[in-house]
PDB file of N, CA and C in Angstrom:
ATOM      1  N   MET A   1     -31.172  70.410 -14.732  1.00  0.00           N
ATOM      2  CA  MET A   1     -31.827  69.624 -13.705  1.00  0.00           C
ATOM      3  C   MET A   1     -31.919  68.149 -14.108  1.00  0.00           C
ATOM      4  N   LYS A   2     -32.260  67.915 -15.390  1.00  0.00           N
ATOM      5  CA  LYS A   2     -32.359  66.542 -15.872  1.00  0.00           C
ATOM      6  C   LYS A   2     -31.000  65.865 -15.857  1.00  0.00           C
ATOM      7  N   SER A   3     -29.969  66.615 -16.244  1.00  0.00           N
ATOM      8  CA  SER A   3     -28.629  66.035 -16.265  1.00  0.00           C
ATOM      9  C   SER A   3     -28.173  65.700 -14.842  1.00  0.00           C
ATOM     10  N   LEU A   4     -28.573  66.543 -13.883  1.00  0.00           N
ATOM     11  CA  LEU A   4     -28.233  66.280 -12.490  1.00  0.00           C
ATOM     12  C   LEU A   4     -28.905  64.990 -12.011  1.00  0.00           C
ATOM     13  N   MET A   5     -30.164  64.791 -12.397  1.00  0.00           N
ATOM     14  CA  MET A   5     -30.891  63.561 -12.034  1.00  0.00           C
ATOM     15  C   MET A   5     -30.224  62.334 -12.663  1.00  0.00           C
ATOM     16  N   LYS A   6     -29.800  62.496 -13.930  1.00  0.00           N
ATOM     17  CA  LYS A   6     -29.132  61.383 -14.615  1.00  0.00           C
ATOM     18  C   LYS A   6     -27.844  61.005 -13.898  1.00  0.00           C
ATOM     19  N   ILE A   7     -27.096  62.048 -13.474  1.00  0.00           N
ATOM     20  CA  ILE A   7     -25.828  61.807 -12.766  1.00  0.00           C
ATOM     21  C   ILE A   7     -26.107  61.092 -11.439  1.00  0.00           C
ATOM     22  N   ILE A   8     -27.137  61.562 -10.721  1.00  0.00           N
ATOM     23  CA  ILE A   8     -27.492  60.947  -9.438  1.00  0.00           C
ATOM     24  C   ILE A   8     -27.913  59.489  -9.643  1.00  0.00           C
ATOM     25  N   MET A   9     -28.747  59.244 -10.677  1.00  0.00           N
ATOM     26  CA  MET A   9     -29.191  57.877 -10.950  1.00  0.00           C
ATOM     27  C   MET A   9     -28.016  56.974 -11.347  1.00  0.00           C
ATOM     28  N   ALA A  10     -27.065  57.533 -12.092  1.00  0.00           N
ATOM     29  CA  ALA A  10     -25.886  56.768 -12.487  1.00  0.00           C
ATOM     30  C   ALA A  10     -25.079  56.381 -11.258  1.00  0.00           C
ATOM     31  N   ILE A  11     -24.928  57.341 -10.338  1.00  0.00           N
ATOM     32  CA  ILE A  11     -24.182  57.059  -9.099  1.00  0.00           C
ATOM     33  C   ILE A  11     -24.910  55.993  -8.283  1.00  0.00           C
ATOM     34  N   LEU A  12     -26.218  56.118  -8.170  1.00  0.00           N
ATOM     35  CA  LEU A  12     -27.001  55.126  -7.429  1.00  0.00           C
ATOM     36  C   LEU A  12     -26.920  53.754  -8.092  1.00  0.00           C
ATOM     37  N   GLY A  13     -26.924  53.755  -9.424  1.00  0.00           N
ATOM     38  CA  GLY A  13     -26.796  52.499 -10.169  1.00  0.00           C
ATOM     39  C   GLY A  13     -25.460  51.828  -9.908  1.00  0.00           C
ATOM     40  N   ILE A  14     -24.403  52.634  -9.867  1.00  0.00           N
ATOM     41  CA  ILE A  14     -23.066  52.101  -9.602  1.00  0.00           C
ATOM     42  C   ILE A  14     -23.008  51.532  -8.182  1.00  0.00           C
ATOM     43  N   LEU A  15     -23.626  52.241  -7.243  1.00  0.00           N
ATOM     44  CA  LEU A  15     -23.626  51.784  -5.854  1.00  0.00           C
ATOM     45  C   LEU A  15     -24.567  50.602  -5.637  1.00  0.00           C
ATOM     46  N   GLY A  16     -25.449  50.364  -6.600  1.00  0.00           N
ATOM     47  CA  GLY A  16     -26.389  49.248  -6.481  1.00  0.00           C
ATOM     48  C   GLY A  16     -27.624  49.605  -5.685  1.00  0.00           C
ATOM     49  N   LEU A  17     -27.980  50.883  -5.662  1.00  0.00           N
ATOM     50  CA  LEU A  17     -29.135  51.316  -4.882  1.00  0.00           C
ATOM     51  C   LEU A  17     -30.331  51.707  -5.748  1.00  0.00           C
ATOM     52  N   SER A  18     -30.174  51.587  -7.047  1.00  0.00           N
ATOM     53  CA  SER A  18     -31.277  51.964  -7.923  1.00  0.00           C
ATOM     54  C   SER A  18     -32.329  50.855  -7.922  1.00  0.00           C
ATOM     55  N   GLY A  19     -33.484  51.120  -8.477  1.00  0.00           N
ATOM     56  CA  GLY A  19     -34.581  50.155  -8.527  1.00  0.00           C
ATOM     57  C   GLY A  19     -34.204  48.914  -9.298  1.00  0.00           C
ATOM     58  N   LYS A  20     -33.537  49.078 -10.435  1.00  0.00           N
ATOM     59  CA  LYS A  20     -33.137  47.931 -11.262  1.00  0.00           C
ATOM     60  C   LYS A  20     -32.160  47.032 -10.507  1.00  0.00           C
ATOM     61  N   ALA A  21     -31.190  47.682  -9.874  1.00  0.00           N
ATOM     62  CA  ALA A  21     -30.169  46.916  -9.164  1.00  0.00           C
ATOM     63  C   ALA A  21     -30.795  46.124  -8.012  1.00  0.00           C
ATOM     64  N   SER A  22     -31.716  46.769  -7.295  1.00  0.00           N
ATOM     65  CA  SER A  22     -32.323  46.064  -6.159  1.00  0.00           C
ATOM     66  C   SER A  22     -33.205  44.917  -6.648  1.00  0.00           C
ATOM     67  N   ALA A  23     -33.856  45.081  -7.795  1.00  0.00           N
ATOM     68  CA  ALA A  23     -34.665  43.999  -8.352  1.00  0.00           C
ATOM     69  C   ALA A  23     -33.781  42.808  -8.728  1.00  0.00           C
ATOM     70  N   LYS A  24     -32.613  43.100  -9.296  1.00  0.00           N
ATOM     71  CA  LYS A  24     -31.671  42.034  -9.655  1.00  0.00           C
ATOM     72  C   LYS A  24     -31.189  41.294  -8.401  1.00  0.00           C
ATOM     73  N   LYS A  25     -30.910  42.103  -7.357  1.00  0.00           N
ATOM     74  CA  LYS A  25     -30.448  41.495  -6.104  1.00  0.00           C
ATOM     75  C   LYS A  25     -31.530  40.602  -5.520  1.00  0.00           C
ATOM     76  N   LYS A  26     -32.766  41.089  -5.556  1.00  0.00           N
ATOM     77  CA  LYS A  26     -33.882  40.310  -5.021  1.00  0.00           C
ATOM     78  C   LYS A  26     -34.033  38.997  -5.791  1.00  0.00           C
ATOM     79  N   ALA A  27     -33.859  39.068  -7.110  1.00  0.00           N
ATOM     80  CA  ALA A  27     -33.969  37.865  -7.942  1.00  0.00           C
ATOM     81  C   ALA A  27     -32.876  36.861  -7.568  1.00  0.00           C
ATOM     82  N   LYS A  28     -31.664  37.369  -7.367  1.00  0.00           N
ATOM     83  CA  LYS A  28     -30.557  36.488  -6.982  1.00  0.00           C
ATOM     84  C   LYS A  28     -30.830  35.839  -5.633  1.00  0.00           C
ATOM     85  N   VAL A  29     -31.314  36.662  -4.695  1.00  0.00           N
ATOM     86  CA  VAL A  29     -31.602  36.146  -3.351  1.00  0.00           C
ATOM     87  C   VAL A  29     -32.691  35.086  -3.422  1.00  0.00           C
ATOM     88  N   LYS A  30     -33.711  35.346  -4.241  1.00  0.00           N
ATOM     89  CA  LYS A  30     -34.811  34.388  -4.394  1.00  0.00           C
ATOM     90  C   LYS A  30     -34.291  33.062  -4.951  1.00  0.00           C
ATOM     91  N   LYS A  31     -33.400  33.167  -5.938  1.00  0.00           N
ATOM     92  CA  LYS A  31     -32.817  31.976  -6.562  1.00  0.00           C
ATOM     93  C   LYS A  31     -32.006  31.182  -5.526  1.00  0.00           C
ATOM     94  N   ILE A  32     -31.231  31.893  -4.732  1.00  0.00           N
ATOM     95  CA  ILE A  32     -30.407  31.248  -3.712  1.00  0.00           C
ATOM     96  C   ILE A  32     -31.297  30.591  -2.661  1.00  0.00           C
ATOM     97  N   ASP A  33     -32.356  31.294  -2.239  1.00  0.00           N
ATOM     98  CA  ASP A  33     -33.288  30.733  -1.246  1.00  0.00           C
ATOM     99  C   ASP A  33     -33.925  29.448  -1.759  1.00  0.00           C
ATOM    100  N   LYS A  34     -34.290  29.454  -3.042  1.00  0.00           N
ATOM    101  CA  LYS A  34     -34.904  28.269  -3.650  1.00  0.00           C
ATOM    102  C   LYS A  34     -33.919  27.101  -3.621  1.00  0.00           C
ATOM    103  N   HIS A  35     -32.672  27.395  -3.950  1.00  0.00           N
ATOM    104  CA  HIS A  35     -31.629  26.370  -3.961  1.00  0.00           C
ATOM    105  C   HIS A  35     -31.415  25.823  -2.543  1.00  0.00           C
ATOM    106  N   ILE A  36     -31.406  26.712  -1.564  1.00  0.00           N
ATOM    107  CA  ILE A  36     -31.222  26.304  -0.169  1.00  0.00           C
ATOM    108  C   ILE A  36     -32.346  25.372   0.255  1.00  0.00           C
ATOM    109  N   LYS A  37     -33.565  25.713  -0.156  1.00  0.00           N
ATOM    110  CA  LYS A  37     -34.731  24.899   0.194  1.00  0.00           C
ATOM    111  C   LYS A  37     -34.590  23.487  -0.371  1.00  0.00           C
ATOM    112  N   THR A  38     -34.156  23.380  -1.642  1.00  0.00           N
ATOM    113  CA  THR A  38     -34.006  22.053  -2.257  1.00  0.00           C
ATOM    114  C   THR A  38     -32.905  21.259  -1.563  1.00  0.00           C
ATOM    115  N   VAL A  39     -31.830  21.939  -1.184  1.00  0.00           N
ATOM    116  CA  VAL A  39     -30.719  21.268  -0.502  1.00  0.00           C
ATOM    117  C   VAL A  39     -31.175  20.751   0.858  1.00  0.00           C
ATOM    118  N   LYS A  40     -31.962  21.566   1.572  1.00  0.00           N
ATOM    119  CA  LYS A  40     -32.465  21.141   2.884  1.00  0.00           C
ATOM    120  C   LYS A  40     -33.358  19.915   2.751  1.00  0.00           C
ATOM    121  N   LYS A  41     -34.209  19.905   1.717  1.00  0.00           N
ATOM    122  CA  LYS A  41     -35.080  18.751   1.488  1.00  0.00           C
ATOM    123  C   LYS A  41     -34.252  17.501   1.222  1.00  0.00           C
ATOM    124  N   ALA A  42     -33.250  17.650   0.366  1.00  0.00           N
ATOM    125  CA  ALA A  42     -32.385  16.517   0.028  1.00  0.00           C
ATOM    126  C   ALA A  42     -31.659  16.011   1.278  1.00  0.00           C
ATOM    127  N   LYS A  43     -31.183  16.949   2.088  1.00  0.00           N
ATOM    128  CA  LYS A  43     -30.471  16.611   3.317  1.00  0.00           C
ATOM    129  C   LYS A  43     -31.375  15.820   4.258  1.00  0.00           C
ATOM    130  N   ALA A  44     -32.628  16.269   4.369  1.00  0.00           N
ATOM    131  CA  ALA A  44     -33.589  15.600   5.250  1.00  0.00           C
ATOM    132  C   ALA A  44     -33.874  14.183   4.767  1.00  0.00           C
ATOM    133  N   SER A  45     -34.034  14.025   3.452  1.00  0.00           N
ATOM    134  CA  SER A  45     -34.323  12.687   2.924  1.00  0.00           C
ATOM    135  C   SER A  45     -33.137  11.749   3.130  1.00  0.00           C
ATOM    136  N   VAL A  46     -31.932  12.269   2.965  1.00  0.00           N
ATOM    137  CA  VAL A  46     -30.729  11.458   3.181  1.00  0.00           C
ATOM    138  C   VAL A  46     -30.632  11.056   4.653  1.00  0.00           C
ATOM    139  N   ALA A  47     -30.947  11.983   5.549  1.00  0.00           N
ATOM    140  CA  ALA A  47     -30.895  11.678   6.980  1.00  0.00           C
ATOM    141  C   ALA A  47     -31.905  10.596   7.331  1.00  0.00           C
ATOM    142  N   LYS A  48     -33.082  10.670   6.720  1.00  0.00           N
ATOM    143  CA  LYS A  48     -34.126   9.681   6.967  1.00  0.00           C
ATOM    144  C   LYS A  48     -33.658   8.294   6.504  1.00  0.00           C
ATOM    145  N   LYS A  49     -33.065   8.244   5.301  1.00  0.00           N
ATOM    146  CA  LYS A  49     -32.564   6.973   4.767  1.00  0.00           C
ATOM    147  C   LYS A  49     -31.456   6.419   5.658  1.00  0.00           C
ATOM    148  N   LYS A  50     -30.580   7.307   6.107  1.00  0.00           N
ATOM    149  CA  LYS A  50     -29.464   6.898   6.951  1.00  0.00           C
ATOM    150  C   LYS A  50     -29.975   6.296   8.257  1.00  0.00           C
ATOM    151  N   GLN A  51     -31.006   6.930   8.815  1.00  0.00           N
ATOM    152  CA  GLN A  51     -31.586   6.440  10.054  1.00  0.00           C
ATOM    153  C   GLN A  51     -32.180   5.043   9.863  1.00  0.00           C
ATOM    154  N   ALA A  52     -32.852   4.838   8.733  1.00  0.00           N
ATOM    155  CA  ALA A  52     -33.448   3.531   8.441  1.00  0.00           C
ATOM    156  C   ALA A  52     -32.355   2.466   8.315  1.00  0.00           C
ATOM    157  N   VAL A  53     -31.272   2.822   7.640  1.00  0.00           N
ATOM    158  CA  VAL A  53     -30.157   1.882   7.453  1.00  0.00           C
ATOM    159  C   VAL A  53     -29.530   1.541   8.804  1.00  0.00           C
ATOM    160  N   GLN A  54     -29.353   2.564   9.651  1.00  0.00           N
ATOM    161  CA  GLN A  54     -28.766   2.322  10.979  1.00  0.00           C
ATOM    162  C   GLN A  54     -29.638   1.371  11.789  1.00  0.00           C
ATOM    163  N   LYS A  55     -30.955   1.551  11.677  1.00  0.00           N
ATOM    164  CA  LYS A  55     -31.902   0.706  12.404  1.00  0.00           C
ATOM    165  C   LYS A  55     -31.776  -0.751  11.937  1.00  0.00           C
ATOM    166  N   LYS A  56     -31.716  -0.940  10.603  1.00  0.00           N
ATOM    167  CA  LYS A  56     -31.569  -2.284  10.047  1.00  0.00           C
ATOM    168  C   LYS A  56     -30.254  -2.908  10.493  1.00  0.00           C
ATOM    169  N   LYS A  57     -29.201  -2.089  10.498  1.00  0.00           N
ATOM    170  CA  LYS A  57     -27.883  -2.560  10.896  1.00  0.00           C
ATOM    171  C   LYS A  57     -27.913  -3.068  12.333  1.00  0.00           C
ATOM    172  N   ALA A  58     -28.590  -2.303  13.196  1.00  0.00           N
ATOM    173  CA  ALA A  58     -28.686  -2.686  14.599  1.00  0.00           C
ATOM    174  C   ALA A  58     -29.451  -3.991  14.751  1.00  0.00           C
ATOM    175  N   GLU A  59     -30.530  -4.150  13.989  1.00  0.00           N
ATOM    176  CA  GLU A  59     -31.316  -5.378  14.047  1.00  0.00           C
ATOM    177  C   GLU A  59     -30.477  -6.574  13.612  1.00  0.00           C
ATOM    178  N   VAL A  60     -29.721  -6.403  12.549  1.00  0.00           N
ATOM    179  CA  VAL A  60     -28.872  -7.483  12.039  1.00  0.00           C
ATOM    180  C   VAL A  60     -27.801  -7.835  13.067  1.00  0.00           C
ATOM    181  N   LYS A  61     -27.223  -6.798  13.681  1.00  0.00           N
ATOM    182  CA  LYS A  61     -26.180  -7.031  14.677  1.00  0.00           C
ATOM    183  C   LYS A  61     -26.742  -7.814  15.867  1.00  0.00           C
ATOM    184  N   LYS A  62     -27.964  -7.467  16.266  1.00  0.00           N
ATOM    185  CA  LYS A  62     -28.615  -8.179  17.367  1.00  0.00           C
ATOM    186  C   LYS A  62     -28.841  -9.640  17.013  1.00  0.00           C
ATOM    187  N   ALA A  63     -29.288  -9.878  15.788  1.00  0.00           N
ATOM    188  CA  ALA A  63     -29.624 -11.232  15.349  1.00  0.00           C
ATOM    189  C   ALA A  63     -28.391 -12.111  15.200  1.00  0.00           C
ATOM    190  N   VAL A  64     -27.271 -11.516  14.829  1.00  0.00           N
ATOM    191  CA  VAL A  64     -26.068 -12.303  14.528  1.00  0.00           C
ATOM    192  C   VAL A  64     -25.081 -12.257  15.692  1.00  0.00           C
ATOM    193  N   LYS A  65     -25.578 -12.281  16.901  1.00  0.00           N
ATOM    194  CA  LYS A  65     -24.675 -12.299  18.050  1.00  0.00           C
ATOM    195  C   LYS A  65     -24.054 -13.680  18.170  1.00  0.00           C
ATOM    196  N   THR A  66     -22.745 -13.722  18.291  1.00  0.00           N
ATOM    197  CA  THR A  66     -22.057 -15.014  18.401  1.00  0.00           C
ATOM    198  C   THR A  66     -22.092 -15.492  19.847  1.00  0.00           C
ATOM    199  N   PRO A  67     -22.282 -16.766  20.043  1.00  0.00           N
ATOM    200  CA  PRO A  67     -22.302 -17.294  21.421  1.00  0.00           C
ATOM    201  C   PRO A  67     -20.898 -17.230  22.023  1.00  0.00           C
ATOM    202  N   PRO A  68     -20.805 -17.081  23.332  1.00  0.00           N
ATOM    203  CA  PRO A  68     -19.479 -17.005  23.960  1.00  0.00           C
ATOM    204  C   PRO A  68     -18.723 -18.326  23.814  1.00  0.00           C
ATOM    205  N   LYS A  69     -17.419 -18.204  23.633  1.00  0.00           N
ATOM    206  CA  LYS A  69     -16.597 -19.407  23.465  1.00  0.00           C
ATOM    207  C   LYS A  69     -16.291 -20.004  24.839  1.00  0.00           C
ATOM    208  N   LYS A  70     -16.427 -21.292  24.924  1.00  0.00           N
ATOM    209  CA  LYS A  70     -16.128 -21.982  26.175  1.00  0.00           C
ATOM    210  C   LYS A  70     -14.651 -22.351  26.180  1.00  0.00           C
ATOM    211  N   LYS A  71     -13.975 -21.968  27.260  1.00  0.00           N
ATOM    212  CA  LYS A  71     -12.549 -22.269  27.347  1.00  0.00           C
ATOM    213  C   LYS A  71     -12.348 -23.689  27.876  1.00  0.00           C
ATOM    214  N   ALA A  72     -11.275 -24.269  27.452  1.00  0.00           N
ATOM    215  CA  ALA A  72     -10.949 -25.631  27.911  1.00  0.00           C
ATOM    216  C   ALA A  72     -10.606 -25.602  29.394  1.00  0.00           C
ATOM    217  N   SER A  73     -10.945 -26.634  30.085  1.00  0.00           N
ATOM    218  CA  SER A  73     -10.676 -26.673  31.529  1.00  0.00           C
ATOM    219  C   SER A  73      -9.169 -26.785  31.765  1.00  0.00           C
ATOM    220  N   VAL A  74      -8.722 -26.133  32.818  1.00  0.00           N
ATOM    221  CA  VAL A  74      -7.298 -26.114  33.146  1.00  0.00           C
ATOM    222  C   VAL A  74      -6.968 -27.355  33.972  1.00  0.00           C
ATOM    223  N   LYS A  75      -5.860 -28.025  33.609  1.00  0.00           N
ATOM    224  CA  LYS A  75      -5.520 -29.287  34.269  1.00  0.00           C
ATOM    225  C   LYS A  75      -4.272 -29.196  35.147  1.00  0.00           C
ATOM    226  N   LYS A  76      -3.450 -28.130  34.948  1.00  0.00           N
ATOM    227  CA  LYS A  76      -2.218 -28.009  35.725  1.00  0.00           C
ATOM    228  C   LYS A  76      -2.254 -26.735  36.558  1.00  0.00           C
ATOM    229  N   ALA A  77      -1.530 -26.714  37.639  1.00  0.00           N
ATOM    230  CA  ALA A  77      -1.526 -25.579  38.570  1.00  0.00           C
ATOM    231  C   ALA A  77      -0.939 -24.323  37.918  1.00  0.00           C
ATOM    232  N   LYS A  78       0.116 -24.509  37.140  1.00  0.00           N
ATOM    233  CA  LYS A  78       0.776 -23.366  36.500  1.00  0.00           C
ATOM    234  C   LYS A  78      -0.182 -22.716  35.484  1.00  0.00           C
ATOM    235  N   ALA A  79      -0.877 -23.528  34.722  1.00  0.00           N
ATOM    236  CA  ALA A  79      -1.838 -23.028  33.731  1.00  0.00           C
ATOM    237  C   ALA A  79      -2.976 -22.301  34.432  1.00  0.00           C
ATOM    238  N   ALA A  80      -3.397 -22.815  35.587  1.00  0.00           N
ATOM    239  CA  ALA A  80      -4.479 -22.193  36.351  1.00  0.00           C
ATOM    240  C   ALA A  80      -4.044 -20.813  36.841  1.00  0.00           C
ATOM    241  N   ARG A  81      -2.807 -20.733  37.325  1.00  0.00           N
ATOM    242  CA  ARG A  81      -2.281 -19.463  37.824  1.00  0.00           C
ATOM    243  C   ARG A  81      -2.250 -18.412  36.708  1.00  0.00           C
ATOM    244  N   THR A  82      -1.716 -18.777  35.558  1.00  0.00           N
ATOM    245  CA  THR A  82      -1.639 -17.818  34.441  1.00  0.00           C
ATOM    246  C   THR A  82      -3.026 -17.427  33.963  1.00  0.00           C
ATOM    247  N   SER A  83      -3.936 -18.371  33.970  1.00  0.00           N
ATOM    248  CA  SER A  83      -5.313 -18.105  33.554  1.00  0.00           C
ATOM    249  C   SER A  83      -5.962 -17.096  34.491  1.00  0.00           C
ATOM    250  N   LEU A  84      -5.770 -17.281  35.795  1.00  0.00           N
ATOM    251  CA  LEU A  84      -6.348 -16.361  36.782  1.00  0.00           C
ATOM    252  C   LEU A  84      -5.732 -14.964  36.681  1.00  0.00           C
ATOM    253  N   LYS A  85      -4.417 -14.931  36.441  1.00  0.00           N
ATOM    254  CA  LYS A  85      -3.740 -13.633  36.281  1.00  0.00           C
ATOM    255  C   LYS A  85      -4.292 -12.887  35.070  1.00  0.00           C
ATOM    256  N   ALA A  86      -4.475 -13.600  33.991  1.00  0.00           N
ATOM    257  CA  ALA A  86      -4.999 -12.978  32.767  1.00  0.00           C
ATOM    258  C   ALA A  86      -6.419 -12.457  32.991  1.00  0.00           C
ATOM    259  N   ARG A  87      -7.204 -13.232  33.724  1.00  0.00           N
ATOM    260  CA  ARG A  87      -8.582 -12.829  34.018  1.00  0.00           C
ATOM    261  C   ARG A  87      -8.590 -11.574  34.911  1.00  0.00           C
ATOM    262  N   ALA A  88      -7.673 -11.518  35.866  1.00  0.00           N
ATOM    263  CA  ALA A  88      -7.592 -10.378  36.767  1.00  0.00           C
ATOM    264  C   ALA A  88      -7.167  -9.112  36.026  1.00  0.00           C
ATOM    265  N   LYS A  89      -6.270  -9.271  35.058  1.00  0.00           N
ATOM    266  CA  LYS A  89      -5.824  -8.116  34.258  1.00  0.00           C
ATOM    267  C   LYS A  89      -6.979  -7.514  33.455  1.00  0.00           C
ATOM    268  N   ARG A  90      -7.833  -8.387  32.934  1.00  0.00           N
ATOM    269  CA  ARG A  90      -8.964  -7.938  32.098  1.00  0.00           C
ATOM    270  C   ARG A  90      -9.961  -7.133  32.910  1.00  0.00           C
ATOM    271  N   LYS A  91     -10.185  -7.499  34.157  1.00  0.00           N
ATOM    272  CA  LYS A  91     -11.185  -6.827  34.985  1.00  0.00           C
ATOM    273  C   LYS A  91     -10.613  -5.659  35.686  1.00  0.00           C
TER     274      LYS A  91
END
């Protein structure tokens, strides 16, 4: 009877269903969960920093807007025609 129990426990151990095996699995899962938690925290902090940088970037972009360039006045009819055609193409 004892030998039969030993054989059964050995089979369960091989399959990973014994108490020891499940405790090891639980420990591994706990370790992985802990690692996941730290990674999520790091990810959140990086996202927060990125958001702050994007905000600063937008502020700088707003502040450094270049004024529109004034084009020279057109003096000839041909130049006026080409200028109007170019303007029409853009719109």
